[in-house]
Amino acid sequence: MAHVEDRWRRAGRRNGLRWRVRFTGPDGREHSRSFARKADAERFLATTMADVHRGQWLDPDAGRVTLRAYAEGWLAIQSHEASTREAVGMRLRKHVYPKLGGYTLAQLAASPSLIQAWVSGLGVSEAYARVIFTTLSAVLSAAVADRKITANPCQERTVRRPKAASHKVEPWTAGQVAAVRAALPERWQILADLGAGLGLRQGEILGIAVADIDFLRRVVHVRRQVRMVAARLVFAEPKGGKQRDIPLPESVALALAAHLAAHPARPVTLPWKEPGGEPVTAELIMASATGKAVNRNTFNTYAWKPALAAAGIPATRANGCHALRHYFASSLLHHGVDVRALSEYLGHSNPGFTLRIYTHLMPAAHDRMREAIDALAAQDHGPATAQEGAR
């Protein structure tokens, strides 16, 4: 039921806004709004009922919740892993709430300029600003889906999304890898072998166990990682839940054997995925001398950064343990390993992602074409097709 009523006639007095629109919304509740002019009331009623019939009507009170209150509820129901939920919560608390948390969803939706001003004042790197912006946009998209607001202000054309990082990976040389490895404490040199020789992430190296190494079949099973959640170490699946197998080169197998002879694996028990999770035990190759899992922050501070300094390499973000992984990828591409196989070894979500990171390291197509044709032309019978060569 919907209609426009004359409040003055009903009340018998002439004060306040005269014309009141009353209607029942899709939520089953009666809503009202008053106007000074009847024409405005009738126009509002017509527009509102059209929105109701199209399924586009929103309760005007729905957007009155603050961004902080809505985001806290949104975060609580996400299916993120514990470490991801912790990181998202930190970004909201540190970078979003101080400037935007007190605004209502309706205020933000009506003023995209608030979002733009916030982005401009973040004061972090472009890459991290994009991560924070994406988090806020996800919250506001959920608010649209929950019918709190009609549109996500982060997606307005007047809001400039922080640019994606455009720097290219510059892999280390073999000499740099060797120098850093030599500068690490002898007990931890195996990390360089596993990073540069298998392309493992740091957390995966810290979580690799003896049972994951199949010396007979020459394969390594990547099944877990060590990660930090709420200042506690836990075991978890590799990034993206993507377990994988990687061929074991002989040089890495020999390095592993020598390491295990000098530093036998130690059984380590950690909760699974989050503090309080089910205890899981694994005989870690990189257990500490006291039989505990290695804390990456402690390792980076007291082993990795001093090794970088000794090797004459700046202790920048680009020169973290991930640099070993980039070295692995660049080496495989240089020796002709295809992108699909490399993507599997690295545990990427798809080959396209791998290609976007490392395409500039692939051998130039023009050079390879010239070499292929020149090599074939040198034969007496001239160039041959792939089909002819297979006969």
Protein backbone atom coordinates (compact mmCIF):
# COMPACT_ATOMS: atom_id res chain seq x y z
CA MET A 1 0.00 0.00 0.00
CA ALA A 2 1.33 3.44 -0.94
CA HIS A 3 -0.19 6.89 -0.94
CA VAL A 4 0.32 10.61 -0.30
CA GLU A 5 -1.54 12.06 2.68
CA ASP A 6 -2.26 15.62 3.76
CA ARG A 7 -0.88 15.85 7.30
CA TRP A 8 -2.44 19.24 7.92
CA ARG A 9 -5.94 17.94 7.23
CA ARG A 10 -5.43 14.97 9.56
CA ALA A 11 -3.81 16.99 12.33
CA GLY A 12 -6.09 19.98 12.04
CA ARG A 13 -3.17 22.39 12.16
CA ARG A 14 -0.79 24.02 9.75
CA ASN A 15 2.84 23.44 10.83
CA GLY A 16 5.66 21.22 9.65
CA LEU A 17 5.93 19.56 6.23
CA ARG A 18 2.43 19.11 4.86
CA TRP A 19 2.63 16.16 2.45
CA ARG A 20 3.67 12.72 3.70
CA VAL A 21 4.41 9.70 1.51
CA ARG A 22 3.65 6.36 3.15
CA PHE A 23 4.44 3.00 1.58
CA THR A 24 5.28 -0.59 2.49
CA GLY A 25 8.77 -1.64 1.41
CA PRO A 26 9.94 -5.08 0.25
CA ASP A 27 11.11 -5.64 3.84
CA GLY A 28 7.45 -5.65 4.97
CA ARG A 29 7.86 -2.46 7.01
CA GLU A 30 6.04 0.81 6.51
CA HIS A 31 8.23 3.74 5.50
CA SER A 32 7.42 7.44 5.22
CA ARG A 33 8.90 10.72 4.11
CA SER A 34 7.43 14.23 4.28
CA PHE A 35 7.58 17.11 1.79
CA ALA A 36 6.54 20.74 1.71
CA ARG A 37 5.03 20.46 -1.79
CA LYS A 38 2.57 17.87 -3.01
CA ALA A 39 4.27 17.64 -6.42
CA ASP A 40 7.54 16.63 -4.75
CA ALA A 41 5.76 14.01 -2.66
CA GLU A 42 4.04 12.51 -5.71
CA ARG A 43 7.30 12.46 -7.67
CA PHE A 44 9.09 10.69 -4.81
CA LEU A 45 6.29 8.14 -4.51
CA ALA A 46 6.36 7.37 -8.24
CA THR A 47 10.14 6.95 -8.25
CA THR A 48 10.13 4.84 -5.10
CA MET A 49 7.43 2.47 -6.32
CA ALA A 50 9.25 2.07 -9.65
CA ASP A 51 12.40 1.10 -7.72
CA VAL A 52 10.37 -1.37 -5.64
CA HIS A 53 8.96 -3.05 -8.74
CA ARG A 54 12.41 -3.21 -10.38
CA GLY A 55 13.94 -4.66 -7.23
CA GLN A 56 16.23 -1.63 -6.86
CA TRP A 57 14.74 0.00 -3.80
CA LEU A 58 16.95 0.46 -0.75
CA ASP A 59 15.89 1.31 2.75
CA PRO A 60 17.19 4.88 3.26
CA ASP A 61 18.11 3.94 6.84
CA ALA A 62 20.27 1.00 5.73
CA GLY A 63 23.27 3.16 4.85
CA ARG A 64 23.38 4.90 8.22
CA VAL A 65 25.72 2.29 9.69
CA THR A 66 29.31 3.49 9.96
CA LEU A 67 31.98 2.01 7.72
CA ARG A 68 33.85 0.68 10.75
CA ALA A 69 30.81 -1.09 12.19
CA TYR A 70 29.92 -2.65 8.85
CA ALA A 71 33.52 -3.65 8.02
CA GLU A 72 33.98 -5.36 11.40
CA GLY A 73 30.89 -7.48 10.75
CA TRP A 74 32.03 -8.17 7.18
CA LEU A 75 35.45 -9.33 8.31
CA ALA A 76 34.01 -11.63 10.96
CA ILE A 77 32.12 -13.73 8.39
CA GLN A 78 34.86 -14.00 5.75
CA SER A 79 36.31 -17.43 5.01
CA HIS A 80 39.89 -16.13 5.00
CA GLU A 81 42.63 -18.17 6.60
CA ALA A 82 43.57 -16.86 10.03
CA SER A 83 46.74 -15.11 8.81
CA THR A 84 44.89 -13.45 5.93
CA ARG A 85 42.08 -12.31 8.23
CA GLU A 86 44.68 -10.85 10.58
CA ALA A 87 46.39 -8.95 7.74
CA VAL A 88 43.08 -7.59 6.40
CA GLY A 89 42.04 -6.48 9.88
CA MET A 90 45.37 -4.72 10.37
CA ARG A 91 44.99 -2.82 7.08
CA LEU A 92 41.51 -1.68 8.06
CA ARG A 93 42.50 -0.60 11.57
CA LYS A 94 45.73 1.15 10.56
CA HIS A 95 44.88 2.72 7.21
CA VAL A 96 41.09 2.86 6.71
CA TYR A 97 39.34 3.47 10.03
CA PRO A 98 41.37 6.53 11.17
CA LYS A 99 40.11 8.66 8.25
CA LEU A 100 36.97 6.90 6.98
CA GLY A 101 35.72 4.65 9.79
CA GLY A 102 33.40 7.24 11.30
CA TYR A 103 31.55 8.04 8.06
CA THR A 104 28.33 6.19 7.30
CA LEU A 105 28.10 4.00 4.23
CA ALA A 106 25.55 6.44 2.79
CA GLN A 107 27.94 9.38 3.24
CA LEU A 108 30.74 7.55 1.46
CA ALA A 109 28.46 6.43 -1.36
CA ALA A 110 27.26 10.00 -1.86
CA SER A 111 30.76 11.55 -1.79
CA PRO A 112 33.39 9.62 -3.76
CA SER A 113 35.64 12.63 -3.18
CA LEU A 114 36.07 11.39 0.40
CA ILE A 115 37.59 8.21 -1.00
CA GLN A 116 39.88 10.13 -3.35
CA ALA A 117 41.12 12.39 -0.56
CA TRP A 118 41.83 9.33 1.58
CA VAL A 119 43.75 7.59 -1.22
CA SER A 120 45.86 10.70 -1.84
CA GLY A 121 46.84 10.88 1.83
CA LEU A 122 47.70 7.23 2.47
CA GLY A 123 51.43 7.92 2.48
CA VAL A 124 52.50 4.36 1.62
CA SER A 125 54.05 2.79 -1.46
CA GLU A 126 51.93 2.60 -4.60
CA ALA A 127 51.83 -1.19 -4.44
CA TYR A 128 50.70 -1.27 -0.80
CA ALA A 129 48.20 1.55 -1.39
CA ARG A 130 46.60 -0.64 -4.06
CA VAL A 131 46.31 -3.53 -1.59
CA ILE A 132 44.65 -1.27 1.01
CA PHE A 133 42.35 0.26 -1.62
CA THR A 134 41.30 -3.21 -2.80
CA THR A 135 40.41 -4.16 0.78
CA LEU A 136 38.17 -1.10 1.18
CA SER A 137 36.57 -1.70 -2.20
CA ALA A 138 35.76 -5.30 -1.22
CA VAL A 139 34.00 -4.05 1.93
CA LEU A 140 31.94 -1.51 -0.01
CA SER A 141 31.06 -4.04 -2.73
CA ALA A 142 29.71 -6.27 0.02
CA ALA A 143 27.65 -3.33 1.28
CA VAL A 144 26.15 -2.97 -2.21
CA ALA A 145 25.33 -6.69 -2.27
CA ASP A 146 23.74 -6.37 1.18
CA ARG A 147 21.63 -3.49 -0.18
CA LYS A 148 23.08 -0.96 2.22
CA ILE A 149 24.13 1.40 -0.60
CA THR A 150 23.39 1.51 -4.32
CA ALA A 151 26.95 1.81 -5.63
CA ASN A 152 30.56 1.30 -4.55
CA PRO A 153 32.24 4.76 -4.48
CA CYS A 154 35.65 3.13 -5.04
CA GLN A 155 34.49 2.23 -8.54
CA GLU A 156 33.46 5.75 -9.54
CA ARG A 157 35.44 7.23 -12.44
CA THR A 158 36.42 10.24 -10.33
CA VAL A 159 38.35 8.00 -7.93
CA ARG A 160 41.85 7.16 -9.13
CA ARG A 161 42.79 3.62 -8.13
CA PRO A 162 46.45 3.33 -7.04
CA LYS A 163 48.53 1.95 -9.87
CA ALA A 164 49.79 -1.61 -9.85
CA ALA A 165 53.48 -2.09 -9.23
CA SER A 166 55.23 -1.90 -12.59
CA HIS A 167 58.83 -2.67 -11.64
CA LYS A 168 60.41 -5.64 -13.33
CA VAL A 169 62.02 -8.49 -11.44
CA GLU A 170 65.81 -8.27 -11.65
CA PRO A 171 67.10 -11.72 -10.72
CA TRP A 172 70.36 -12.20 -8.90
CA THR A 173 73.38 -13.64 -10.62
CA ALA A 174 74.79 -17.05 -9.71
CA GLY A 175 77.64 -15.20 -8.02
CA GLN A 176 75.28 -13.24 -5.78
CA VAL A 177 73.44 -16.40 -4.76
CA ALA A 178 76.74 -18.09 -3.91
CA ALA A 179 77.94 -15.05 -1.95
CA VAL A 180 74.82 -14.84 0.19
CA ARG A 181 74.84 -18.61 0.78
CA ALA A 182 78.47 -18.49 1.92
CA ALA A 183 77.71 -15.61 4.30
CA LEU A 184 74.83 -17.41 6.01
CA PRO A 185 75.54 -19.41 9.17
CA GLU A 186 76.45 -22.94 8.06
CA ARG A 187 73.30 -24.34 9.65
CA TRP A 188 71.09 -22.15 7.47
CA GLN A 189 72.88 -22.42 4.13
CA ILE A 190 70.39 -25.09 3.06
CA LEU A 191 67.79 -22.32 2.75
CA ALA A 192 69.72 -20.87 -0.19
CA ASP A 193 69.94 -24.32 -1.81
CA LEU A 194 66.18 -24.92 -1.51
CA GLY A 195 65.22 -21.41 -2.57
CA ALA A 196 67.51 -21.19 -5.61
CA GLY A 197 67.30 -24.89 -6.50
CA LEU A 198 63.59 -25.59 -6.02
CA GLY A 199 61.96 -22.14 -6.10
CA LEU A 200 60.32 -22.59 -2.70
CA ARG A 201 58.86 -19.69 -0.77
CA GLN A 202 60.52 -18.93 2.56
CA GLY A 203 57.63 -20.31 4.61
CA GLU A 204 57.70 -23.50 2.53
CA ILE A 205 61.43 -23.94 3.14
CA LEU A 206 60.87 -23.53 6.87
CA GLY A 207 58.09 -26.12 6.70
CA ILE A 208 59.78 -28.77 4.53
CA ALA A 209 60.17 -32.14 6.28
CA VAL A 210 62.31 -35.21 5.65
CA ALA A 211 59.19 -37.17 4.65
CA ASP A 212 58.59 -34.63 1.86
CA ILE A 213 61.88 -35.54 0.13
CA ASP A 214 61.71 -38.59 -2.10
CA PHE A 215 65.39 -39.21 -2.88
CA LEU A 216 64.61 -42.41 -4.79
CA ARG A 217 62.12 -40.89 -7.25
CA ARG A 218 63.94 -37.54 -7.16
CA VAL A 219 60.93 -35.42 -6.29
CA VAL A 220 60.03 -33.00 -3.48
CA HIS A 221 56.45 -32.83 -2.18
CA VAL A 222 55.52 -29.30 -1.05
CA ARG A 223 52.81 -29.90 1.53
CA ARG A 224 53.04 -27.23 4.21
CA GLN A 225 54.56 -23.95 5.27
CA VAL A 226 55.36 -22.25 8.56
CA ARG A 227 53.56 -18.96 8.96
CA MET A 228 52.84 -16.42 11.67
CA VAL A 229 49.29 -15.92 12.99
CA ALA A 230 48.59 -13.62 15.94
CA ALA A 231 52.31 -13.66 16.82
CA ARG A 232 52.30 -17.49 16.92
CA LEU A 233 53.93 -19.95 14.54
CA VAL A 234 51.58 -22.44 12.88
CA PHE A 235 51.68 -25.00 10.09
CA ALA A 236 49.46 -24.32 7.08
CA GLU A 237 49.08 -25.42 3.48
CA PRO A 238 51.23 -23.65 0.87
CA LYS A 239 49.92 -20.33 -0.42
CA GLY A 240 46.52 -20.72 -2.07
CA GLY A 241 46.23 -24.25 -0.68
CA LYS A 242 48.25 -25.41 -3.70
CA GLN A 243 50.30 -28.48 -2.80
CA ARG A 244 52.69 -29.52 -5.55
CA ASP A 245 55.59 -31.75 -6.58
CA ILE A 246 58.93 -30.40 -7.80
CA PRO A 247 61.65 -32.45 -9.51
CA LEU A 248 64.70 -32.85 -7.25
CA PRO A 249 67.96 -31.91 -9.03
CA GLU A 250 71.03 -33.93 -8.06
CA SER A 251 72.87 -30.85 -6.78
CA VAL A 252 70.01 -30.06 -4.37
CA ALA A 253 69.76 -33.71 -3.30
CA LEU A 254 73.47 -33.72 -2.43
CA ALA A 255 73.12 -30.46 -0.49
CA LEU A 256 70.17 -31.90 1.44
CA ALA A 257 72.05 -35.09 2.25
CA ALA A 258 75.06 -33.13 3.52
CA HIS A 259 72.86 -30.84 5.60
CA LEU A 260 70.94 -33.72 7.20
CA ALA A 261 74.18 -35.50 8.03
CA ALA A 262 75.43 -32.41 9.88
CA HIS A 263 72.05 -31.26 11.24
CA PRO A 264 69.55 -34.12 11.57
CA ALA A 265 65.90 -33.18 11.16
CA ARG A 266 64.02 -32.49 14.39
CA PRO A 267 60.36 -33.29 15.11
CA VAL A 268 58.42 -30.05 15.56
CA THR A 269 54.79 -29.78 16.65
CA LEU A 270 52.70 -26.74 15.73
CA PRO A 271 48.96 -26.04 15.56
CA TRP A 272 47.38 -26.32 12.13
CA LYS A 273 46.39 -23.05 10.46
CA GLU A 274 45.79 -21.00 13.62
CA PRO A 275 46.69 -20.91 17.31
CA GLY A 276 44.54 -23.51 19.03
CA GLY A 277 44.30 -25.59 15.86
CA GLU A 278 44.90 -29.33 15.81
CA PRO A 279 48.56 -30.13 16.67
CA VAL A 280 50.60 -31.45 13.74
CA THR A 281 54.11 -32.88 13.97
CA ALA A 282 56.71 -32.87 11.16
CA GLU A 283 60.45 -33.61 11.14
CA LEU A 284 61.66 -30.27 9.86
CA ILE A 285 64.86 -29.94 7.88
CA MET A 286 65.32 -26.37 9.10
CA ALA A 287 64.52 -26.84 12.77
CA SER A 288 66.47 -24.70 15.21
CA ALA A 289 69.24 -26.11 17.39
CA THR A 290 66.69 -26.35 20.22
CA GLY A 291 64.23 -28.31 18.08
CA LYS A 292 61.79 -25.51 17.33
CA ALA A 293 60.38 -24.10 14.12
CA VAL A 294 62.30 -21.14 12.74
CA ASN A 295 60.65 -17.73 13.08
CA ARG A 296 61.12 -15.97 9.74
CA ASN A 297 61.35 -12.54 11.35
CA THR A 298 64.16 -13.70 13.61
CA PHE A 299 65.93 -15.43 10.73
CA ASN A 300 65.64 -12.39 8.46
CA THR A 301 66.98 -10.05 11.13
CA TYR A 302 69.86 -12.09 12.50
CA ALA A 303 70.88 -14.28 9.53
CA TRP A 304 69.58 -13.03 6.19
CA LYS A 305 70.27 -9.30 6.44
CA PRO A 306 73.80 -9.78 7.80
CA ALA A 307 74.46 -12.19 4.91
CA LEU A 308 73.24 -9.58 2.42
CA ALA A 309 75.55 -7.00 3.96
CA ALA A 310 78.50 -9.38 3.77
CA ALA A 311 77.72 -10.07 0.10
CA GLY A 312 77.43 -6.35 -0.68
CA ILE A 313 73.72 -6.55 -1.52
CA PRO A 314 71.33 -3.84 -0.21
CA ALA A 315 68.82 -5.07 2.38
CA THR A 316 65.76 -3.95 0.38
CA ARG A 317 62.38 -5.61 0.00
CA ALA A 318 63.44 -6.84 -3.46
CA ASN A 319 66.38 -8.66 -1.87
CA GLY A 320 64.41 -10.73 0.60
CA CYS A 321 64.48 -14.53 0.50
CA HIS A 322 62.08 -14.29 -2.45
CA ALA A 323 65.07 -13.25 -4.55
CA LEU A 324 66.19 -16.89 -4.52
CA ARG A 325 62.82 -17.86 -6.01
CA HIS A 326 63.26 -15.29 -8.79
CA TYR A 327 66.72 -16.68 -9.49
CA PHE A 328 65.21 -20.17 -9.82
CA ALA A 329 62.56 -18.92 -12.26
CA SER A 330 65.00 -16.96 -14.40
CA SER A 331 67.39 -19.93 -14.57
CA LEU A 332 64.66 -22.29 -15.78
CA LEU A 333 63.45 -19.83 -18.41
CA HIS A 334 67.02 -19.29 -19.62
CA HIS A 335 67.40 -23.04 -20.12
CA GLY A 336 64.16 -23.39 -22.07
CA VAL A 337 61.70 -24.68 -19.45
CA ASP A 338 58.22 -23.68 -20.61
CA VAL A 339 56.05 -21.28 -18.63
CA ARG A 340 53.37 -23.86 -17.84
CA ALA A 341 55.88 -26.18 -16.17
CA LEU A 342 57.51 -23.27 -14.33
CA SER A 343 54.11 -22.15 -13.06
CA GLU A 344 53.51 -25.62 -11.61
CA TYR A 345 56.91 -25.69 -9.91
CA LEU A 346 56.34 -22.25 -8.39
CA GLY A 347 52.82 -23.07 -7.21
CA HIS A 348 51.24 -20.16 -9.08
CA SER A 349 47.50 -20.06 -9.68
CA ASN A 350 47.94 -20.17 -13.46
CA PRO A 351 50.63 -19.78 -16.15
CA GLY A 352 49.31 -16.32 -17.04
CA PHE A 353 50.31 -15.03 -13.63
CA THR A 354 53.81 -16.48 -14.07
CA LEU A 355 54.09 -14.93 -17.52
CA ARG A 356 53.16 -11.46 -16.24
CA ILE A 357 55.99 -11.61 -13.69
CA TYR A 358 58.74 -13.14 -15.80
CA THR A 359 57.90 -12.44 -19.45
CA HIS A 360 60.79 -9.95 -19.75
CA LEU A 361 63.22 -12.71 -18.75
CA MET A 362 62.19 -15.10 -21.51
CA PRO A 363 64.62 -15.49 -24.42
CA ALA A 364 63.79 -13.00 -27.16
CA ALA A 365 61.50 -14.56 -29.77
CA HIS A 366 63.33 -12.80 -32.62
CA ASP A 367 66.70 -14.22 -31.59
CA ARG A 368 65.32 -17.74 -31.15
CA MET A 369 63.62 -17.57 -34.56
CA ARG A 370 66.85 -16.51 -36.28
CA GLU A 371 68.86 -19.23 -34.52
CA ALA A 372 66.32 -21.91 -35.43
CA ILE A 373 66.17 -21.02 -39.14
CA ASP A 374 69.93 -20.53 -39.42
CA ALA A 375 70.55 -23.92 -37.80
CA LEU A 376 68.15 -25.63 -40.19
CA ALA A 377 69.46 -23.77 -43.22
CA ALA A 378 72.93 -25.09 -42.43
CA GLN A 379 71.69 -28.60 -43.20
CA ASP A 380 72.06 -29.86 -46.79
CA HIS A 381 68.32 -30.34 -47.33
CA GLY A 382 67.33 -26.95 -45.95
CA PRO A 383 64.58 -26.13 -43.44
CA ALA A 384 62.27 -28.92 -42.35
CA THR A 385 58.87 -28.78 -40.71
CA ALA A 386 58.18 -30.24 -37.28
CA GLN A 387 56.10 -32.95 -38.96
CA GLU A 388 58.93 -33.88 -41.33
CA GLY A 389 61.36 -34.05 -38.48
CA ALA A 390 59.10 -36.45 -36.61
CA ARG A 391 59.08 -39.01 -39.46
